[in-house]
Amino acid sequence: MRRIGLIGGMSFESTLVYYKLVNEMVRDRLGGLASADLLLHSVNFEEVVALQKAGRWDLAADHLATSAKALKAAGADCVLICTNTMHLVAGEVQAAVDIPLIHIIDETAQALTAAGLKRPLLLATRYTMEHGFYAERMMSLGIDIVVPEEADRADMHEIIFGELCAGKVVTGSRTRALAMIERARASGADSVILGCTEICLLLDPRTLPLPCIDSTTVHAMAAVEFALADAEGKRQAA
């Protein structure tokens, strides 16, 4: 089994979900008491948020690149940034190490394409919804994303940082998020991306009015596929 390296803590609420999903998927695939061979470097999210607010993405990139190099030095065979927003600096992080960075946008686009979905609503932080990095990469992969109107973008950003990252799941916020999805469906969206790794704490993809891709789940699944690519083949050969 290859060793997975997770850059987490952004926030630790969603990193908990990553850890649980990755280990559950490995157990489901290998059976028994199998679990993942993984390393986790959990950063101080307060420091990362301060850099986001200041627009110092260069320093944020250095911070995560340092984490990636530490994971590589400790034996990680791949690295994941366990958050959508910080994929804004994914290129810099990948450049810092010679192991694969499993990219959350690429994996999400692949899941959409496999499902025949081309015009998803993106629910995420304002950075992810409004900065060009997400839309441009999705467009290059054949996906034309839709973002909520200004008021809804502000509302979703506050739900993420003010509630979900602090471990609060509020029923009224779920109602508002569902209303955003309904408005997008009326405007022609064919699906929805849970494009912040905490939103799965608020919304269940199985109950939404549009087909849904949860970026946290597809990212974790891609890590497991990478980790088990050799292990399962050897087991079958035996």
C-alpha atoms as a PDB file:
ATOM      1  CA  MET A   1       0.000   0.000   0.000  1.00  0.00           C
ATOM      2  CA  ARG A   2       1.310   3.421  -0.894  1.00  0.00           C
ATOM      3  CA  ARG A   3       1.441   6.019   1.881  1.00  0.00           C
ATOM      4  CA  ILE A   4      -0.980   8.966   1.637  1.00  0.00           C
ATOM      5  CA  GLY A   5       0.107  12.404   2.835  1.00  0.00           C
ATOM      6  CA  LEU A   6      -2.634  14.781   3.976  1.00  0.00           C
ATOM      7  CA  ILE A   7      -2.186  18.511   4.496  1.00  0.00           C
ATOM      8  CA  GLY A   8      -5.099  19.132   6.833  1.00  0.00           C
ATOM      9  CA  GLY A   9      -6.454  21.466   9.483  1.00  0.00           C
ATOM     10  CA  MET A  10      -8.208  23.783   7.001  1.00  0.00           C
ATOM     11  CA  SER A  11     -10.432  23.290   8.896  1.00  0.00           C
ATOM     12  CA  PHE A  12      -9.891  20.313  11.169  1.00  0.00           C
ATOM     13  CA  GLU A  13     -13.646  19.675  10.945  1.00  0.00           C
ATOM     14  CA  SER A  14     -13.310  18.527   7.336  1.00  0.00           C
ATOM     15  CA  THR A  15      -9.954  16.845   7.978  1.00  0.00           C
ATOM     16  CA  LEU A  16     -11.789  14.541  10.367  1.00  0.00           C
ATOM     17  CA  VAL A  17     -14.074  13.617   7.468  1.00  0.00           C
ATOM     18  CA  TYR A  18     -11.075  12.904   5.217  1.00  0.00           C
ATOM     19  CA  TYR A  19      -9.474  10.644   7.810  1.00  0.00           C
ATOM     20  CA  LYS A  20     -12.706   8.714   8.343  1.00  0.00           C
ATOM     21  CA  LEU A  21     -13.509   8.365   4.634  1.00  0.00           C
ATOM     22  CA  VAL A  22     -10.033   7.249   3.596  1.00  0.00           C
ATOM     23  CA  ASN A  23      -9.873   4.590   6.291  1.00  0.00           C
ATOM     24  CA  GLU A  24     -13.421   3.371   5.665  1.00  0.00           C
ATOM     25  CA  MET A  25     -12.738   3.068   1.939  1.00  0.00           C
ATOM     26  CA  VAL A  26      -9.547   1.089   2.535  1.00  0.00           C
ATOM     27  CA  ARG A  27     -11.349  -1.237   4.939  1.00  0.00           C
ATOM     28  CA  ASP A  28     -14.186  -1.730   2.448  1.00  0.00           C
ATOM     29  CA  ARG A  29     -11.716  -2.562  -0.315  1.00  0.00           C
ATOM     30  CA  LEU A  30      -9.326  -4.816   1.625  1.00  0.00           C
ATOM     31  CA  GLY A  31     -11.657  -6.206   4.282  1.00  0.00           C
ATOM     32  CA  GLY A  32     -11.056  -7.207   7.862  1.00  0.00           C
ATOM     33  CA  LEU A  33      -9.408  -4.557  10.017  1.00  0.00           C
ATOM     34  CA  ALA A  34      -7.501  -2.928   7.152  1.00  0.00           C
ATOM     35  CA  SER A  35      -6.870   0.794   7.389  1.00  0.00           C
ATOM     36  CA  ALA A  36      -4.869   3.339   5.431  1.00  0.00           C
ATOM     37  CA  ASP A  37      -1.152   3.966   5.639  1.00  0.00           C
ATOM     38  CA  LEU A  38      -1.225   7.734   5.914  1.00  0.00           C
ATOM     39  CA  LEU A  39       0.503  10.770   7.344  1.00  0.00           C
ATOM     40  CA  LEU A  40      -1.295  13.934   8.403  1.00  0.00           C
ATOM     41  CA  HIS A  41       0.192  17.369   8.887  1.00  0.00           C
ATOM     42  CA  SER A  42      -2.519  19.522  10.409  1.00  0.00           C
ATOM     43  CA  VAL A  43      -1.722  23.222  10.140  1.00  0.00           C
ATOM     44  CA  ASN A  44      -2.991  26.074  12.308  1.00  0.00           C
ATOM     45  CA  PHE A  45      -5.992  27.293  10.305  1.00  0.00           C
ATOM     46  CA  GLU A  46      -5.994  30.680  12.041  1.00  0.00           C
ATOM     47  CA  GLU A  47      -2.643  31.432  10.431  1.00  0.00           C
ATOM     48  CA  VAL A  48      -3.860  30.331   7.005  1.00  0.00           C
ATOM     49  CA  VAL A  49      -7.063  32.392   7.278  1.00  0.00           C
ATOM     50  CA  ALA A  50      -5.009  35.478   8.171  1.00  0.00           C
ATOM     51  CA  LEU A  51      -2.967  35.018   4.992  1.00  0.00           C
ATOM     52  CA  GLN A  52      -6.142  34.535   2.936  1.00  0.00           C
ATOM     53  CA  LYS A  53      -7.676  37.738   4.292  1.00  0.00           C
ATOM     54  CA  ALA A  54      -4.468  39.654   3.624  1.00  0.00           C
ATOM     55  CA  GLY A  55      -4.269  38.329   0.069  1.00  0.00           C
ATOM     56  CA  ARG A  56      -0.846  36.828   0.822  1.00  0.00           C
ATOM     57  CA  TRP A  57      -1.287  33.731  -1.274  1.00  0.00           C
ATOM     58  CA  ASP A  58       2.473  33.667  -1.833  1.00  0.00           C
ATOM     59  CA  LEU A  59       3.079  33.131   1.873  1.00  0.00           C
ATOM     60  CA  ALA A  60       0.224  30.638   2.049  1.00  0.00           C
ATOM     61  CA  ALA A  61       1.863  28.721  -0.796  1.00  0.00           C
ATOM     62  CA  ASP A  62       5.168  28.647   1.084  1.00  0.00           C
ATOM     63  CA  HIS A  63       3.373  27.432   4.209  1.00  0.00           C
ATOM     64  CA  LEU A  64       1.708  24.502   2.457  1.00  0.00           C
ATOM     65  CA  ALA A  65       4.795  23.714   0.398  1.00  0.00           C
ATOM     66  CA  THR A  66       6.691  23.306   3.661  1.00  0.00           C
ATOM     67  CA  SER A  67       4.024  20.849   4.813  1.00  0.00           C
ATOM     68  CA  ALA A  68       4.241  18.906   1.556  1.00  0.00           C
ATOM     69  CA  LYS A  69       8.026  18.649   1.824  1.00  0.00           C
ATOM     70  CA  ALA A  70       7.740  17.415   5.410  1.00  0.00           C
ATOM     71  CA  LEU A  71       5.256  14.742   4.354  1.00  0.00           C
ATOM     72  CA  LYS A  72       7.526  13.656   1.508  1.00  0.00           C
ATOM     73  CA  ALA A  73      10.509  13.466   3.867  1.00  0.00           C
ATOM     74  CA  ALA A  74       8.432  11.296   6.217  1.00  0.00           C
ATOM     75  CA  GLY A  75       7.695   8.816   3.448  1.00  0.00           C
ATOM     76  CA  ALA A  76       4.467   9.986   1.805  1.00  0.00           C
ATOM     77  CA  ASP A  77       3.990   8.733  -1.770  1.00  0.00           C
ATOM     78  CA  CYS A  78       1.398  11.396  -2.658  1.00  0.00           C
ATOM     79  CA  VAL A  79       0.034  14.555  -1.130  1.00  0.00           C
ATOM     80  CA  LEU A  80      -3.478  16.001  -0.829  1.00  0.00           C
ATOM     81  CA  ILE A  81      -4.415  19.535   0.184  1.00  0.00           C
ATOM     82  CA  CYS A  82      -7.560  18.829   2.218  1.00  0.00           C
ATOM     83  CA  THR A  83      -9.415  21.972   1.187  1.00  0.00           C
ATOM     84  CA  ASN A  84     -10.685  23.441  -2.083  1.00  0.00           C
ATOM     85  CA  THR A  85      -9.710  27.069  -1.516  1.00  0.00           C
ATOM     86  CA  MET A  86      -6.033  26.359  -0.965  1.00  0.00           C
ATOM     87  CA  HIS A  87      -5.829  24.670  -4.350  1.00  0.00           C
ATOM     88  CA  LEU A  88      -5.331  28.238  -5.486  1.00  0.00           C
ATOM     89  CA  VAL A  89      -1.681  27.510  -4.607  1.00  0.00           C
ATOM     90  CA  ALA A  90      -1.666  23.852  -5.692  1.00  0.00           C
ATOM     91  CA  GLY A  91       0.817  24.534  -8.481  1.00  0.00           C
ATOM     92  CA  GLU A  92       3.361  25.937  -6.052  1.00  0.00           C
ATOM     93  CA  VAL A  93       2.858  23.040  -3.657  1.00  0.00           C
ATOM     94  CA  GLN A  94       3.280  20.474  -6.440  1.00  0.00           C
ATOM     95  CA  ALA A  95       6.440  22.231  -7.600  1.00  0.00           C
ATOM     96  CA  ALA A  96       7.938  21.822  -4.125  1.00  0.00           C
ATOM     97  CA  VAL A  97       7.845  17.989  -4.152  1.00  0.00           C
ATOM     98  CA  ASP A  98       8.504  15.187  -6.618  1.00  0.00           C
ATOM     99  CA  ILE A  99       5.526  13.081  -5.546  1.00  0.00           C
ATOM    100  CA  PRO A 100       2.040  13.455  -7.073  1.00  0.00           C
ATOM    101  CA  LEU A 101      -0.354  16.073  -5.733  1.00  0.00           C
ATOM    102  CA  ILE A 102      -3.857  14.651  -6.129  1.00  0.00           C
ATOM    103  CA  HIS A 103      -5.842  17.690  -7.281  1.00  0.00           C
ATOM    104  CA  ILE A 104      -9.353  18.131  -5.911  1.00  0.00           C
ATOM    105  CA  ILE A 105     -10.617  20.138  -8.910  1.00  0.00           C
ATOM    106  CA  ASP A 106      -9.416  17.528 -11.386  1.00  0.00           C
ATOM    107  CA  GLU A 107     -11.045  14.716  -9.421  1.00  0.00           C
ATOM    108  CA  THR A 108     -14.316  16.657  -9.117  1.00  0.00           C
ATOM    109  CA  ALA A 109     -14.350  17.422 -12.842  1.00  0.00           C
ATOM    110  CA  GLN A 110     -13.696  13.768 -13.621  1.00  0.00           C
ATOM    111  CA  ALA A 111     -16.660  12.731 -11.451  1.00  0.00           C
ATOM    112  CA  LEU A 112     -18.929  15.272 -13.164  1.00  0.00           C
ATOM    113  CA  THR A 113     -17.853  14.121 -16.620  1.00  0.00           C
ATOM    114  CA  ALA A 114     -18.393  10.460 -15.713  1.00  0.00           C
ATOM    115  CA  ALA A 115     -21.946  11.356 -14.661  1.00  0.00           C
ATOM    116  CA  GLY A 116     -22.601  13.350 -17.857  1.00  0.00           C
ATOM    117  CA  LEU A 117     -22.913  16.643 -15.954  1.00  0.00           C
ATOM    118  CA  LYS A 118     -21.632  19.847 -17.512  1.00  0.00           C
ATOM    119  CA  ARG A 119     -23.165  22.883 -15.764  1.00  0.00           C
ATOM    120  CA  PRO A 120     -22.856  22.544 -11.982  1.00  0.00           C
ATOM    121  CA  LEU A 121     -23.608  25.081  -9.295  1.00  0.00           C
ATOM    122  CA  LEU A 122     -20.497  25.664  -7.206  1.00  0.00           C
ATOM    123  CA  LEU A 123     -21.057  26.127  -3.475  1.00  0.00           C
ATOM    124  CA  ALA A 124     -17.814  27.135  -1.788  1.00  0.00           C
ATOM    125  CA  THR A 125     -15.956  29.952  -0.057  1.00  0.00           C
ATOM    126  CA  ARG A 126     -15.925  33.352  -1.748  1.00  0.00           C
ATOM    127  CA  TYR A 127     -12.276  32.794  -2.643  1.00  0.00           C
ATOM    128  CA  THR A 128     -13.153  29.627  -4.549  1.00  0.00           C
ATOM    129  CA  MET A 129     -16.319  31.002  -6.134  1.00  0.00           C
ATOM    130  CA  GLU A 130     -14.897  34.383  -7.136  1.00  0.00           C
ATOM    131  CA  HIS A 131     -11.208  33.798  -7.882  1.00  0.00           C
ATOM    132  CA  GLY A 132     -10.527  32.614 -11.406  1.00  0.00           C
ATOM    133  CA  PHE A 133      -8.428  29.585 -10.455  1.00  0.00           C
ATOM    134  CA  TYR A 134     -11.388  27.223  -9.963  1.00  0.00           C
ATOM    135  CA  ALA A 135     -13.535  28.275 -12.914  1.00  0.00           C
ATOM    136  CA  GLU A 136     -10.574  28.360 -15.295  1.00  0.00           C
ATOM    137  CA  ARG A 137      -9.352  24.886 -14.393  1.00  0.00           C
ATOM    138  CA  MET A 138     -12.888  23.503 -14.605  1.00  0.00           C
ATOM    139  CA  MET A 139     -13.367  25.136 -18.022  1.00  0.00           C
ATOM    140  CA  SER A 140     -10.136  23.551 -19.261  1.00  0.00           C
ATOM    141  CA  LEU A 141     -11.615  20.192 -18.239  1.00  0.00           C
ATOM    142  CA  GLY A 142     -14.890  20.778 -20.070  1.00  0.00           C
ATOM    143  CA  ILE A 143     -17.033  21.965 -17.152  1.00  0.00           C
ATOM    144  CA  ASP A 144     -18.859  25.312 -17.141  1.00  0.00           C
ATOM    145  CA  ILE A 145     -19.546  26.156 -13.512  1.00  0.00           C
ATOM    146  CA  VAL A 146     -22.334  28.377 -12.191  1.00  0.00           C
ATOM    147  CA  VAL A 147     -21.868  30.468  -9.048  1.00  0.00           C
ATOM    148  CA  PRO A 148     -24.593  31.920  -6.815  1.00  0.00           C
ATOM    149  CA  GLU A 149     -25.541  35.579  -6.893  1.00  0.00           C
ATOM    150  CA  GLU A 150     -23.546  38.047  -4.779  1.00  0.00           C
ATOM    151  CA  ALA A 151     -25.770  37.859  -1.693  1.00  0.00           C
ATOM    152  CA  ASP A 152     -25.761  34.072  -1.745  1.00  0.00           C
ATOM    153  CA  ARG A 153     -21.976  33.970  -2.161  1.00  0.00           C
ATOM    154  CA  ALA A 154     -21.582  36.148   0.909  1.00  0.00           C
ATOM    155  CA  ASP A 155     -24.065  34.016   2.816  1.00  0.00           C
ATOM    156  CA  MET A 156     -22.360  30.746   1.921  1.00  0.00           C
ATOM    157  CA  HIS A 157     -18.938  32.150   2.841  1.00  0.00           C
ATOM    158  CA  GLU A 158     -20.245  33.133   6.270  1.00  0.00           C
ATOM    159  CA  ILE A 159     -21.896  29.737   6.761  1.00  0.00           C
ATOM    160  CA  ILE A 160     -18.571  28.055   6.044  1.00  0.00           C
ATOM    161  CA  PHE A 161     -16.279  30.223   8.153  1.00  0.00           C
ATOM    162  CA  GLY A 162     -18.721  31.348  10.837  1.00  0.00           C
ATOM    163  CA  GLU A 163     -20.423  28.000  11.406  1.00  0.00           C
ATOM    164  CA  LEU A 164     -19.068  24.859   9.747  1.00  0.00           C
ATOM    165  CA  CYS A 165     -15.384  25.530  10.398  1.00  0.00           C
ATOM    166  CA  ALA A 166     -16.357  26.139  14.034  1.00  0.00           C
ATOM    167  CA  GLY A 167     -18.223  22.846  14.256  1.00  0.00           C
ATOM    168  CA  LYS A 168     -21.716  24.371  14.082  1.00  0.00           C
ATOM    169  CA  VAL A 169     -24.400  22.868  11.845  1.00  0.00           C
ATOM    170  CA  VAL A 170     -27.417  25.184  11.739  1.00  0.00           C
ATOM    171  CA  THR A 171     -30.775  24.075  10.343  1.00  0.00           C
ATOM    172  CA  GLY A 172     -31.573  27.544   9.012  1.00  0.00           C
ATOM    173  CA  SER A 173     -28.319  27.582   7.059  1.00  0.00           C
ATOM    174  CA  ARG A 174     -29.224  24.257   5.480  1.00  0.00           C
ATOM    175  CA  THR A 175     -32.532  25.777   4.389  1.00  0.00           C
ATOM    176  CA  ARG A 176     -30.751  28.767   2.837  1.00  0.00           C
ATOM    177  CA  ALA A 177     -28.282  26.529   1.014  1.00  0.00           C
ATOM    178  CA  LEU A 178     -31.112  24.423  -0.396  1.00  0.00           C
ATOM    179  CA  ALA A 179     -32.777  27.610  -1.643  1.00  0.00           C
ATOM    180  CA  MET A 180     -29.549  28.502  -3.477  1.00  0.00           C
ATOM    181  CA  ILE A 181     -29.641  25.129  -5.210  1.00  0.00           C
ATOM    182  CA  GLU A 182     -33.283  25.562  -6.194  1.00  0.00           C
ATOM    183  CA  ARG A 183     -32.542  28.975  -7.701  1.00  0.00           C
ATOM    184  CA  ALA A 184     -29.645  27.514  -9.659  1.00  0.00           C
ATOM    185  CA  ARG A 185     -31.794  24.669 -10.944  1.00  0.00           C
ATOM    186  CA  ALA A 186     -34.382  27.190 -12.153  1.00  0.00           C
ATOM    187  CA  SER A 187     -31.564  29.001 -13.994  1.00  0.00           C
ATOM    188  CA  GLY A 188     -30.329  25.895 -15.788  1.00  0.00           C
ATOM    189  CA  ALA A 189     -27.769  24.261 -13.511  1.00  0.00           C
ATOM    190  CA  ASP A 190     -27.746  20.479 -13.972  1.00  0.00           C
ATOM    191  CA  SER A 191     -25.907  19.566 -10.761  1.00  0.00           C
ATOM    192  CA  VAL A 192     -24.198  20.938  -7.671  1.00  0.00           C
ATOM    193  CA  ILE A 193     -20.624  20.764  -6.413  1.00  0.00           C
ATOM    194  CA  LEU A 194     -20.026  20.795  -2.679  1.00  0.00           C
ATOM    195  CA  GLY A 195     -16.885  22.782  -3.368  1.00  0.00           C
ATOM    196  CA  CYS A 196     -15.816  23.367   0.194  1.00  0.00           C
ATOM    197  CA  THR A 197     -14.733  20.364   2.205  1.00  0.00           C
ATOM    198  CA  GLU A 198     -16.962  21.365   5.156  1.00  0.00           C
ATOM    199  CA  ILE A 199     -20.251  21.606   3.220  1.00  0.00           C
ATOM    200  CA  CYS A 200     -20.788  17.850   3.459  1.00  0.00           C
ATOM    201  CA  LEU A 201     -21.374  18.492   7.168  1.00  0.00           C
ATOM    202  CA  LEU A 202     -24.398  20.622   6.236  1.00  0.00           C
ATOM    203  CA  LEU A 203     -25.815  19.003   3.091  1.00  0.00           C
ATOM    204  CA  ASP A 204     -26.387  15.333   2.307  1.00  0.00           C
ATOM    205  CA  PRO A 205     -25.737  14.798  -1.422  1.00  0.00           C
ATOM    206  CA  ARG A 206     -28.374  12.057  -1.515  1.00  0.00           C
ATOM    207  CA  THR A 207     -31.180  14.431  -0.543  1.00  0.00           C
ATOM    208  CA  LEU A 208     -30.521  17.411  -2.819  1.00  0.00           C
ATOM    209  CA  PRO A 209     -32.800  18.532  -5.676  1.00  0.00           C
ATOM    210  CA  LEU A 210     -29.921  18.207  -8.169  1.00  0.00           C
ATOM    211  CA  PRO A 211     -27.287  15.509  -8.724  1.00  0.00           C
ATOM    212  CA  CYS A 212     -24.396  16.274  -6.408  1.00  0.00           C
ATOM    213  CA  ILE A 213     -20.638  15.773  -6.396  1.00  0.00           C
ATOM    214  CA  ASP A 214     -19.105  16.062  -2.929  1.00  0.00           C
ATOM    215  CA  SER A 215     -15.517  17.150  -3.485  1.00  0.00           C
ATOM    216  CA  THR A 216     -14.387  15.742  -0.141  1.00  0.00           C
ATOM    217  CA  THR A 217     -15.599  12.251  -1.007  1.00  0.00           C
ATOM    218  CA  VAL A 218     -14.170  12.178  -4.532  1.00  0.00           C
ATOM    219  CA  HIS A 219     -10.833  13.531  -3.297  1.00  0.00           C
ATOM    220  CA  ALA A 220     -10.609  10.883  -0.575  1.00  0.00           C
ATOM    221  CA  MET A 221     -11.581   8.209  -3.094  1.00  0.00           C
ATOM    222  CA  ALA A 222      -8.809   9.302  -5.455  1.00  0.00           C
ATOM    223  CA  ALA A 223      -6.281   9.025  -2.626  1.00  0.00           C
ATOM    224  CA  VAL A 224      -7.426   5.486  -1.886  1.00  0.00           C
ATOM    225  CA  GLU A 225      -7.268   4.516  -5.563  1.00  0.00           C
ATOM    226  CA  PHE A 226      -3.684   5.757  -5.651  1.00  0.00           C
ATOM    227  CA  ALA A 227      -2.754   4.020  -2.407  1.00  0.00           C
ATOM    228  CA  LEU A 228      -4.211   0.645  -3.364  1.00  0.00           C
ATOM    229  CA  ALA A 229      -3.184   0.519  -7.019  1.00  0.00           C
ATOM    230  CA  ASP A 230      -0.332  -1.876  -6.237  1.00  0.00           C
ATOM    231  CA  ALA A 231      -1.681  -3.557  -3.112  1.00  0.00           C
ATOM    232  CA  GLU A 232      -4.807  -4.988  -4.711  1.00  0.00           C
ATOM    233  CA  GLY A 233      -2.914  -6.223  -7.746  1.00  0.00           C
ATOM    234  CA  LYS A 234      -0.439  -8.113  -5.547  1.00  0.00           C
ATOM    235  CA  ARG A 235      -3.243  -9.621  -3.496  1.00  0.00           C
ATOM    236  CA  GLN A 236      -5.031 -10.873  -6.631  1.00  0.00           C
ATOM    237  CA  ALA A 237      -1.807 -12.342  -7.987  1.00  0.00           C
ATOM    238  CA  ALA A 238      -1.276 -14.267  -4.753  1.00  0.00           C
END
